[in-house]
Amino acid sequence: MKKLVLSAAVAALSMNAAQAAGRDTISVMGSSTVYPFATVVAERFGKGTDFKTPKIESTGTGGGMKLFCAGDGIDTPDMTNASRRIKKSEFEMCQKNGVTGITEVMIGYDGIVIANSKKSGVMKLTLKDIFLALAKEVPAKDGGETLVANPYKTWKDVNPALPASKIEVLGPPPTSGTRDAFAELALEGGCKTFDWIKAMKKSDKSSYKRVCHSVREDGAYIEAGENDNLIVQKLTANPKALGVFGFSFLDQNADKVQGSTIGGSVPTFDNIADGSYPVSRPLYFYVKKAHVGRIPGMVEYVTEFTSEAAMGEEGYLADKGLIPMPEKLRKEVRENSVGMKALEL
């Protein structure tokens, strides 16, 4: 009996020692938008090589950055997915915590859609409509240069051409890169249609950003977490609600939901690719250079992700809704990422 206990103790010590010595599976955190693309690459990588399938977790862009930048020990993620570019404050946090070698990998483009159930009609919105419906503060109705707490209750209140249904929009939380990009591209895009607010960008930049990026908190905008599939499910259950998420989720659920037109442009693969759809953004992942050589397969995983077979015009990620970059940019990204070029901000 004593021998069995001793053997178990030795085995446990050996296991702990092995775990302390290293990790043999790539750990990736971050964006829920990039998650399905990274998952497809990870699965192919695991099946097609001798390396283990990387572990991909959806924590949101902001959450992934915090974990990634916490330090360079192997108890921290090797990579983090992002549906926006790394912020200067996040880059500085990485540097402060010893994460000094970061490689930025752009993978392609995505559109941010405002979708609803196919049981309802297609919403025809402008950027101004979106700002007036969802901003925390909006210009007073009297046309003066004053801001008031958002008074609009229905879409018809915002624009007489829109339906009289209640403004109810399900979207990502503040930790999400999609939320950041939506605020920058959609809310600010509508905010700038008011010349006197646009002028604030030069005279009072902090006030301008507060006005143009702040989302109302009175229940019209509902934070639905980082799970975009859950938003799709809720839209199916509530045909009068709208949801904010990446184009890839619209593309994968085209039998259930439809995208609103924005400025007359329909959210399609081609319209996002040629820039005519106004709410689109690049997608990224970031690699911790200190883990290369310590965690098996990192360079090989990056090589697979940036290959023509994956992110090229005819690549398998395009089949999942990723909008490919131009060929010249893909080549540049491939060279920089496989060579682990350090990011400088």
Protein backbone atom coordinates (compact mmCIF):
# COMPACT_ATOMS: atom_id res chain seq x y z
CA MET A 1 0.00 0.00 0.00
CA LYS A 2 2.83 2.35 0.93
CA LYS A 3 4.50 1.52 -2.41
CA LEU A 4 1.28 2.42 -4.28
CA VAL A 5 1.00 5.74 -2.45
CA LEU A 6 4.66 6.45 -3.10
CA SER A 7 4.28 5.57 -6.79
CA ALA A 8 1.28 7.87 -7.09
CA ALA A 9 3.21 10.69 -5.40
CA VAL A 10 6.17 10.18 -7.75
CA ALA A 11 3.82 10.17 -10.75
CA ALA A 12 2.17 13.39 -9.56
CA LEU A 13 5.55 15.03 -9.05
CA SER A 14 6.64 13.93 -12.51
CA MET A 15 3.45 15.35 -14.05
CA ASN A 16 3.89 18.65 -12.20
CA ALA A 17 7.51 18.80 -13.33
CA ALA A 18 6.44 18.18 -16.93
CA GLN A 19 3.82 20.92 -16.71
CA ALA A 20 6.34 23.30 -15.16
CA ALA A 21 8.83 22.54 -17.92
CA GLY A 22 6.52 23.68 -20.66
CA ARG A 23 3.28 23.41 -22.58
CA ASP A 24 2.77 21.55 -25.83
CA THR A 25 -0.47 23.17 -27.04
CA ILE A 26 -0.73 26.68 -28.49
CA SER A 27 -3.05 28.92 -26.44
CA VAL A 28 -5.04 31.59 -28.29
CA MET A 29 -7.47 34.07 -26.67
CA GLY A 30 -9.44 37.07 -27.91
CA SER A 31 -12.01 38.26 -30.41
CA SER A 32 -15.32 36.44 -30.90
CA THR A 33 -15.31 37.67 -34.52
CA VAL A 34 -11.92 36.14 -35.31
CA TYR A 35 -12.74 33.01 -33.25
CA PRO A 36 -14.46 31.01 -36.05
CA PHE A 37 -11.62 31.74 -38.48
CA ALA A 38 -8.96 30.79 -35.93
CA THR A 39 -10.88 27.63 -35.03
CA VAL A 40 -10.99 26.45 -38.64
CA VAL A 41 -7.24 27.07 -39.04
CA ALA A 42 -6.51 25.31 -35.72
CA GLU A 43 -8.53 22.24 -36.70
CA ARG A 44 -6.80 21.94 -40.08
CA PHE A 45 -3.44 22.55 -38.45
CA GLY A 46 -4.06 19.82 -35.87
CA LYS A 47 -5.16 17.29 -38.49
CA GLY A 48 -2.52 18.14 -41.07
CA THR A 49 0.61 18.28 -38.88
CA ASP A 50 2.23 16.43 -35.99
CA PHE A 51 1.42 19.32 -33.62
CA LYS A 52 -1.54 19.36 -31.27
CA THR A 53 -4.64 21.34 -32.23
CA PRO A 54 -4.30 24.86 -30.75
CA LYS A 55 -6.76 25.81 -28.01
CA ILE A 56 -8.86 28.79 -29.13
CA GLU A 57 -10.92 30.73 -26.57
CA SER A 58 -13.39 33.56 -27.19
CA THR A 59 -12.82 36.22 -24.52
CA GLY A 60 -13.43 39.37 -26.57
CA THR A 61 -10.66 41.54 -27.97
CA GLY A 62 -10.16 43.60 -24.80
CA GLY A 63 -10.19 40.56 -22.53
CA GLY A 64 -7.72 38.75 -24.77
CA MET A 65 -5.35 41.72 -24.77
CA LYS A 66 -5.33 41.86 -20.95
CA LEU A 67 -4.43 38.18 -20.70
CA PHE A 68 -1.89 38.37 -23.53
CA CYS A 69 -0.16 41.43 -22.07
CA ALA A 70 -0.05 40.09 -18.49
CA GLY A 71 3.49 38.73 -18.95
CA ASP A 72 5.65 36.46 -21.08
CA GLY A 73 5.48 33.31 -18.91
CA ILE A 74 4.02 30.16 -20.44
CA ASP A 75 1.03 30.52 -18.15
CA THR A 76 -0.04 33.41 -20.43
CA PRO A 77 -1.52 33.12 -23.96
CA ASP A 78 0.79 32.72 -26.93
CA MET A 79 -1.49 34.69 -29.25
CA THR A 80 -4.56 36.87 -29.08
CA ASN A 81 -7.18 37.51 -31.77
CA ALA A 82 -8.43 41.04 -32.30
CA SER A 83 -11.27 42.60 -34.30
CA ARG A 84 -9.47 45.94 -34.18
CA ARG A 85 -5.83 47.00 -34.03
CA ILE A 86 -4.05 46.89 -30.68
CA LYS A 87 -4.46 50.15 -28.76
CA LYS A 88 -1.45 52.21 -27.73
CA SER A 89 -2.44 51.72 -24.07
CA GLU A 90 -2.52 47.93 -24.56
CA PHE A 91 0.85 47.97 -26.33
CA GLU A 92 2.32 49.97 -23.45
CA MET A 93 0.80 47.53 -20.93
CA CYS A 94 2.52 44.68 -22.78
CA GLN A 95 5.85 46.51 -22.70
CA LYS A 96 5.48 47.28 -18.99
CA ASN A 97 4.86 43.59 -18.23
CA GLY A 98 7.82 42.35 -20.23
CA VAL A 99 5.98 41.40 -23.43
CA THR A 100 8.40 43.28 -25.64
CA GLY A 101 8.36 41.22 -28.82
CA ILE A 102 4.91 41.28 -30.49
CA THR A 103 4.19 40.35 -34.08
CA GLU A 104 1.05 41.79 -35.65
CA VAL A 105 -0.72 39.62 -38.22
CA MET A 106 -3.53 41.13 -40.28
CA ILE A 107 -5.71 38.37 -41.73
CA GLY A 108 -8.33 40.17 -43.82
CA TYR A 109 -11.44 42.31 -43.55
CA ASP A 110 -14.87 41.99 -42.00
CA GLY A 111 -18.01 44.09 -42.12
CA ILE A 112 -20.04 45.01 -39.04
CA VAL A 113 -23.71 44.44 -39.76
CA ILE A 114 -26.94 45.53 -38.13
CA ALA A 115 -29.20 42.58 -38.76
CA ASN A 116 -32.71 41.43 -37.98
CA SER A 117 -34.88 38.36 -38.40
CA LYS A 118 -36.03 37.42 -41.89
CA LYS A 119 -39.53 37.49 -40.44
CA SER A 120 -39.32 41.31 -40.57
CA GLY A 121 -38.59 43.74 -43.38
CA VAL A 122 -35.08 44.93 -44.27
CA MET A 123 -34.11 48.09 -42.38
CA LYS A 124 -32.75 50.86 -44.60
CA LEU A 125 -30.50 52.93 -42.36
CA THR A 126 -28.00 55.74 -42.65
CA LEU A 127 -25.05 56.38 -40.36
CA LYS A 128 -26.98 59.37 -39.02
CA ASP A 129 -29.94 57.10 -38.14
CA ILE A 130 -27.63 54.75 -36.24
CA PHE A 131 -26.06 57.59 -34.25
CA LEU A 132 -29.40 59.15 -33.34
CA ALA A 133 -30.83 55.77 -32.32
CA LEU A 134 -27.94 54.52 -30.20
CA ALA A 135 -25.80 57.42 -28.96
CA LYS A 136 -26.01 58.35 -25.30
CA GLU A 137 -26.35 62.06 -26.12
CA VAL A 138 -27.77 63.54 -29.33
CA PRO A 139 -28.46 67.02 -30.68
CA ALA A 140 -31.66 68.60 -29.34
CA LYS A 141 -34.65 68.38 -31.66
CA ASP A 142 -34.89 72.19 -31.93
CA GLY A 143 -31.85 72.17 -34.19
CA GLY A 144 -29.65 74.16 -31.84
CA GLU A 145 -26.09 73.32 -30.93
CA THR A 146 -26.91 71.59 -27.64
CA LEU A 147 -26.80 67.95 -26.59
CA VAL A 148 -29.51 66.12 -24.66
CA ALA A 149 -29.95 62.62 -23.26
CA ASN A 150 -31.19 60.44 -26.11
CA PRO A 151 -35.00 60.89 -26.21
CA TYR A 152 -35.77 58.57 -29.13
CA LYS A 153 -37.93 55.53 -28.36
CA THR A 154 -38.78 54.20 -31.83
CA TRP A 155 -37.02 54.09 -35.18
CA LYS A 156 -39.75 56.33 -36.59
CA ASP A 157 -38.81 58.96 -33.99
CA VAL A 158 -35.32 58.93 -35.48
CA ASN A 159 -36.42 58.99 -39.11
CA PRO A 160 -40.06 59.23 -40.33
CA ALA A 161 -39.19 56.80 -43.15
CA LEU A 162 -38.41 54.02 -40.66
CA PRO A 163 -40.92 51.72 -38.90
CA ALA A 164 -42.56 52.70 -35.60
CA SER A 165 -41.00 49.71 -33.81
CA LYS A 166 -39.16 50.20 -30.51
CA ILE A 167 -35.41 50.75 -30.70
CA GLU A 168 -34.04 47.48 -29.36
CA VAL A 169 -30.51 46.56 -30.42
CA LEU A 170 -28.52 43.59 -29.15
CA GLY A 171 -24.77 44.09 -29.36
CA PRO A 172 -21.35 43.38 -27.92
CA PRO A 173 -20.04 44.75 -24.58
CA PRO A 174 -17.30 47.40 -24.14
CA THR A 175 -14.60 44.69 -23.97
CA SER A 176 -15.35 43.70 -27.56
CA GLY A 177 -13.34 44.88 -30.53
CA THR A 178 -16.56 44.80 -32.55
CA ARG A 179 -18.05 47.33 -30.12
CA ASP A 180 -14.98 49.57 -30.49
CA ALA A 181 -15.09 49.36 -34.28
CA PHE A 182 -18.86 49.89 -34.37
CA ALA A 183 -18.47 53.04 -32.26
CA GLU A 184 -15.68 54.35 -34.49
CA LEU A 185 -17.19 53.51 -37.86
CA ALA A 186 -20.96 53.65 -37.37
CA LEU A 187 -21.65 55.96 -34.41
CA GLU A 188 -18.86 58.41 -35.19
CA GLY A 189 -19.72 58.21 -38.87
CA GLY A 190 -23.23 59.44 -38.05
CA CYS A 191 -21.97 61.88 -35.44
CA LYS A 192 -19.84 63.67 -38.04
CA THR A 193 -22.91 64.48 -40.13
CA PHE A 194 -23.52 67.30 -37.65
CA ASP A 195 -21.00 69.97 -38.62
CA TRP A 196 -20.86 71.61 -35.18
CA ILE A 197 -20.05 68.27 -33.51
CA LYS A 198 -17.50 67.45 -36.21
CA ALA A 199 -15.77 70.76 -35.43
CA MET A 200 -15.30 69.62 -31.83
CA LYS A 201 -12.68 67.12 -33.01
CA LYS A 202 -10.24 70.02 -33.41
CA SER A 203 -11.36 72.19 -30.51
CA ASP A 204 -12.08 69.53 -27.86
CA LYS A 205 -11.04 66.05 -28.93
CA SER A 206 -11.97 64.31 -25.66
CA SER A 207 -15.51 65.75 -25.70
CA TYR A 208 -15.85 64.83 -29.37
CA LYS A 209 -14.92 61.21 -28.65
CA ARG A 210 -17.25 61.06 -25.64
CA VAL A 211 -20.19 62.30 -27.69
CA CYS A 212 -19.47 60.25 -30.80
CA HIS A 213 -18.50 56.94 -29.15
CA SER A 214 -20.78 56.69 -26.08
CA VAL A 215 -23.64 54.20 -26.38
CA ARG A 216 -26.93 54.88 -24.60
CA GLU A 217 -27.53 52.97 -21.34
CA ASP A 218 -31.30 53.23 -20.97
CA GLY A 219 -32.14 49.77 -22.30
CA ALA A 220 -32.39 50.55 -26.03
CA TYR A 221 -28.94 48.99 -26.52
CA ILE A 222 -28.65 45.60 -24.82
CA GLU A 223 -25.21 44.12 -24.12
CA ALA A 224 -25.49 40.53 -25.26
CA GLY A 225 -22.03 39.24 -24.35
CA GLU A 226 -19.25 37.99 -26.61
CA ASN A 227 -21.28 35.15 -28.19
CA ASP A 228 -22.46 36.37 -31.58
CA ASN A 229 -24.33 33.12 -32.23
CA LEU A 230 -26.46 33.91 -29.16
CA ILE A 231 -27.41 37.27 -30.71
CA VAL A 232 -28.53 35.45 -33.87
CA GLN A 233 -30.70 33.12 -31.76
CA LYS A 234 -32.28 36.07 -29.94
CA LEU A 235 -33.06 37.84 -33.22
CA THR A 236 -34.84 34.72 -34.44
CA ALA A 237 -36.91 34.69 -31.26
CA ASN A 238 -37.63 38.45 -31.40
CA PRO A 239 -38.28 39.65 -34.98
CA LYS A 240 -38.54 43.30 -33.91
CA ALA A 241 -35.04 43.45 -32.43
CA LEU A 242 -31.80 44.26 -34.28
CA GLY A 243 -28.35 42.85 -33.62
CA VAL A 244 -24.78 44.04 -34.16
CA PHE A 245 -22.11 41.49 -35.18
CA GLY A 246 -19.54 40.61 -37.81
CA PHE A 247 -20.45 39.83 -41.44
CA SER A 248 -19.24 36.24 -41.13
CA PHE A 249 -22.07 35.46 -38.69
CA LEU A 250 -24.59 36.99 -41.10
CA ASP A 251 -23.11 34.93 -43.91
CA GLN A 252 -23.32 31.72 -41.89
CA ASN A 253 -26.91 32.40 -40.77
CA ALA A 254 -28.35 33.80 -44.00
CA ASP A 255 -31.35 31.49 -43.66
CA LYS A 256 -32.37 33.15 -40.38
CA VAL A 257 -31.25 36.80 -40.45
CA GLN A 258 -30.71 39.62 -42.95
CA GLY A 259 -28.45 42.65 -42.92
CA SER A 260 -29.74 46.23 -42.94
CA THR A 261 -28.60 48.48 -45.77
CA ILE A 262 -26.41 51.33 -44.57
CA GLY A 263 -26.24 54.38 -46.78
CA GLY A 264 -27.88 52.34 -49.53
CA SER A 265 -25.19 49.66 -49.45
CA VAL A 266 -26.03 46.03 -48.70
CA PRO A 267 -23.58 44.10 -46.47
CA THR A 268 -22.23 41.59 -48.99
CA PHE A 269 -18.83 40.02 -49.56
CA ASP A 270 -18.24 42.14 -52.68
CA ASN A 271 -19.41 45.44 -51.15
CA ILE A 272 -17.13 45.00 -48.14
CA ALA A 273 -14.22 43.99 -50.38
CA ASP A 274 -14.51 47.04 -52.63
CA GLY A 275 -15.10 49.47 -49.74
CA SER A 276 -18.61 50.57 -50.75
CA TYR A 277 -20.10 49.19 -47.52
CA PRO A 278 -19.26 51.90 -44.95
CA VAL A 279 -18.92 49.82 -41.78
CA SER A 280 -15.97 47.48 -42.37
CA ARG A 281 -12.68 46.91 -40.54
CA PRO A 282 -9.48 44.81 -40.66
CA LEU A 283 -9.02 41.75 -38.42
CA TYR A 284 -5.81 40.70 -36.67
CA PHE A 285 -4.05 38.34 -34.34
CA TYR A 286 -0.94 39.06 -32.28
CA VAL A 287 1.91 36.67 -31.51
CA LYS A 288 4.14 36.65 -28.42
CA LYS A 289 7.63 36.26 -29.88
CA ALA A 290 9.07 35.12 -26.51
CA HIS A 291 7.01 31.91 -26.79
CA VAL A 292 8.36 30.93 -30.21
CA GLY A 293 10.61 27.94 -29.63
CA ARG A 294 9.11 27.36 -26.18
CA ILE A 295 5.66 26.30 -27.39
CA PRO A 296 5.76 23.80 -30.27
CA GLY A 297 4.24 24.74 -33.62
CA MET A 298 3.82 28.49 -33.29
CA VAL A 299 5.65 29.47 -36.49
CA GLU A 300 3.97 26.60 -38.32
CA TYR A 301 0.50 27.74 -37.14
CA VAL A 302 1.18 31.32 -38.28
CA THR A 303 2.43 29.94 -41.61
CA GLU A 304 -0.82 27.99 -42.08
CA PHE A 305 -3.00 30.96 -41.12
CA THR A 306 -1.26 33.32 -43.56
CA SER A 307 -1.04 30.83 -46.43
CA GLU A 308 -2.89 31.38 -49.71
CA ALA A 309 -4.81 28.19 -48.99
CA ALA A 310 -6.24 29.87 -45.87
CA MET A 311 -6.55 33.63 -46.39
CA GLY A 312 -6.16 33.88 -50.17
CA GLU A 313 -8.92 34.90 -52.57
CA GLU A 314 -9.93 31.27 -53.03
CA GLY A 315 -8.89 30.24 -49.51
CA TYR A 316 -10.97 28.24 -47.09
CA LEU A 317 -11.40 31.26 -44.78
CA ALA A 318 -13.17 33.16 -47.58
CA ASP A 319 -15.70 30.33 -47.56
CA LYS A 320 -16.32 31.20 -43.90
CA GLY A 321 -16.92 34.90 -44.63
CA LEU A 322 -13.44 36.45 -44.31
CA ILE A 323 -12.88 39.20 -46.91
CA PRO A 324 -9.37 38.67 -48.39
CA MET A 325 -6.77 41.44 -48.55
CA PRO A 326 -5.26 42.46 -51.91
CA GLU A 327 -2.55 40.08 -53.11
CA LYS A 328 0.33 42.53 -52.53
CA LEU A 329 -0.75 43.12 -48.91
CA ARG A 330 -1.20 39.39 -48.29
CA LYS A 331 2.38 38.81 -49.44
CA GLU A 332 3.71 41.57 -47.18
CA VAL A 333 1.76 40.26 -44.18
CA ARG A 334 3.02 36.73 -44.85
CA GLU A 335 6.66 37.81 -44.99
CA ASN A 336 6.44 39.91 -41.83
CA SER A 337 4.50 37.36 -39.78
CA VAL A 338 6.48 34.23 -40.65
CA GLY A 339 9.65 36.25 -40.02
CA MET A 340 8.14 37.37 -36.67
CA LYS A 341 8.76 41.07 -37.33
CA ALA A 342 8.34 43.03 -34.10
CA LEU A 343 5.53 45.56 -33.97
CA GLU A 344 6.40 49.21 -33.36
CA LEU A 345 3.79 51.79 -32.37
